[in-house]
Amino acid sequence: MKPIRYLFHVSLDAFYTFLADDGWAIASHIALSTLMALFPFLIVLTSLAGFFGSKELADQAAALILQTWPRQVADTISGQIHEVLTTTRTDALTAGLVLAVYFASNGVEALRVALNRAYAVVEPRRWYWLRLESIGYTLVAAFTALAMAFLIVLGPLIIEGVRRYLPVVVEANESFLHVGRYSITIVALIVALFILHKWVPAGRRSFVQILPGIVFTMVASLISGMMFGQYLARFADRYVTMYAGLASVIIALVFLYFIAAIFVFGGELNAAIIKSRLPRGVSLQAAQSLAPSETQA
């Protein structure tokens, strides 16, 4: 009973802090910033893929990004995404691309604001360093997406080559190999959450300290995605009736809003657990300015 009582009190503390930190408003800010950053990010992705000589990689990378989204949500904006990915751009690696990178980095900045609030830390770094860091994360994400897309493109060729020598093994495990596409996306999301909680906000936190929020975010996001998909399967026509041509944007925005709220609560949950383990007289902000070993001393 003791662990259950502890979990209940920590979750309740995280929820009240979530409300006190304007978690719903911050989630709305993250959702809008993410949606607005998505298309500039796709422009960056397309330009980089074209620079490396294969724009088909951008299509594969975009498909990976939407892999864990509910099918009904992904379908609503897939047409717009396809338009962005197939448009020929003559401004690649010029001022237009620089602006696209800048606007795409707004999504990282929104997540930084949310996590700084959740962990109750004051940002000591200069704004221009923070923006450069966000741009760096954006470019790393784009290169990583292209690298994973390359593996996905290469996968069928590898399977075909192995089939010539081990046909029975490949046939028996082909469905398992296709699951790898989904698994790659899940692993990439876990790594992204680790980077976000570990290095994007101010302060220092150990892997153990940020693990509960990451686990909660992954599990709750998958459950939320399935439930939202079921909801849309029954009531998607109501969005079309109410919002007409904006229905696809609103559906994506509502989905991102729920995911953003889960992400913010994950940060609040980590903060509540850290706070519950602090010695008397040590504040949450002070604890995160120390190394993990010093905090536990």
Foldseek 3Di string as FASTA:
>chain_A
DVVVVVLVVLLVQLVVLCVVLVVLVLLLVLLVLQVQLVLLLLLLLQLVCVVVPHLVLSVLLVCLVCVLFQPVLCVLCVVVSVVSSPDDDPQRPHPSNVVSLQSNLSSLVSLQVLLCSLLVADDPDDPVVLSVVSSVVSVVSSVVSSVLSVCVVCLVVVLVVVCVVVVVVSVVCVVVSVCVSVVVSLVVLLVVLQCSNAPNYDFHDDPVLLVQLSVQLSVVLSVLSVVLSVVCVVCLVVLCVVVPPCSSVVSSSVSSSVSSSSNSSSSNSSSSVLQVQFDPPQDSHNLRNDYVVVRND
